[in-house]
Amino acid sequence: MTHPLPIDDVSIGGESIRLGQFLKFAGLLDSGGDVKEAIIDGLVTVNGEVDRRRGRQLQLGDIVSFDGRSVRVCP
């Protein structure tokens, strides 16, 4: 039986943030180049679906996953 991965909450201090910014802010990736590659390669999901838009506006409650880690956008 598989268990869902734990989801960490990351406070962004506002209402929204772009996907590329959030990946760095949450510590999932270190550099803008890494973020761009991961997104283009389809390795990042938002709410369970692959999203290839670095500039996508995330909303509070969205869950971003990459490389076995999941983080929720919180105020």
Protein backbone atom coordinates (compact mmCIF):
# COMPACT_ATOMS: atom_id res chain seq x y z
CA MET A 1 0.00 0.00 0.00
CA THR A 2 1.41 3.39 -0.96
CA HIS A 3 1.18 6.43 1.26
CA PRO A 4 0.81 9.93 -0.13
CA LEU A 5 3.82 12.16 0.25
CA PRO A 6 3.71 14.70 3.04
CA ILE A 7 2.90 18.21 1.89
CA ASP A 8 4.87 21.11 3.33
CA ASP A 9 3.20 24.51 3.67
CA VAL A 10 5.19 27.48 2.34
CA SER A 11 4.01 30.97 3.21
CA ILE A 12 4.43 33.46 0.38
CA GLY A 13 3.30 36.49 2.36
CA GLY A 14 0.72 37.48 -0.23
CA GLU A 15 -2.06 36.31 -2.51
CA SER A 16 -0.18 34.89 -5.51
CA ILE A 17 3.27 34.08 -6.87
CA ARG A 18 4.57 32.84 -10.22
CA LEU A 19 5.45 29.16 -10.55
CA GLY A 20 9.11 29.79 -11.38
CA GLN A 21 9.54 32.11 -8.41
CA PHE A 22 7.80 29.70 -6.07
CA LEU A 23 10.02 26.75 -7.00
CA LYS A 24 13.07 28.75 -5.89
CA PHE A 25 11.34 30.39 -2.90
CA ALA A 26 10.18 26.99 -1.57
CA GLY A 27 13.66 25.53 -1.98
CA LEU A 28 12.65 22.92 -4.55
CA LEU A 29 15.22 24.24 -7.03
CA ASP A 30 18.21 26.54 -6.62
CA SER A 31 18.59 28.50 -9.85
CA GLY A 32 16.46 30.05 -12.54
CA GLY A 33 18.14 27.82 -15.12
CA ASP A 34 17.22 24.69 -13.16
CA VAL A 35 13.64 25.97 -12.81
CA LYS A 36 13.34 26.61 -16.55
CA GLU A 37 14.68 23.15 -17.43
CA ALA A 38 12.49 21.29 -14.92
CA ILE A 39 9.36 23.08 -16.12
CA ILE A 40 10.13 22.64 -19.85
CA ASP A 41 10.91 18.95 -19.27
CA GLY A 42 7.50 18.45 -17.63
CA LEU A 43 8.94 17.49 -14.23
CA VAL A 44 6.83 19.98 -12.26
CA THR A 45 3.16 19.48 -11.43
CA VAL A 46 0.61 21.92 -10.08
CA ASN A 47 -2.38 20.31 -8.37
CA GLY A 48 -1.41 16.96 -9.90
CA GLU A 49 -1.08 18.14 -13.51
CA VAL A 50 2.08 18.94 -15.47
CA ASP A 51 2.36 22.68 -16.11
CA ARG A 52 4.99 24.04 -18.50
CA ARG A 53 4.32 27.73 -17.84
CA ARG A 54 7.01 29.30 -15.66
CA GLY A 55 4.91 32.44 -15.39
CA ARG A 56 1.75 30.67 -14.22
CA GLN A 57 0.16 32.55 -11.34
CA LEU A 58 -0.21 30.22 -8.38
CA GLN A 59 -3.04 30.82 -5.97
CA LEU A 60 -3.30 30.09 -2.26
CA GLY A 61 -3.88 26.37 -1.73
CA ASP A 62 -2.18 25.24 -4.96
CA ILE A 63 0.12 22.24 -4.49
CA VAL A 64 3.37 22.19 -6.45
CA SER A 65 5.35 18.95 -6.76
CA PHE A 66 8.87 18.25 -8.00
CA ASP A 67 11.30 15.39 -7.44
CA GLY A 68 9.25 13.63 -4.78
CA ARG A 69 8.45 16.75 -2.76
CA SER A 70 5.12 18.57 -2.57
CA VAL A 71 4.55 22.06 -1.20
CA ARG A 72 1.34 24.03 -0.71
CA VAL A 73 1.11 27.76 -1.40
CA CYS A 74 0.00 29.46 1.87
CA PRO A 75 -0.57 33.11 2.80
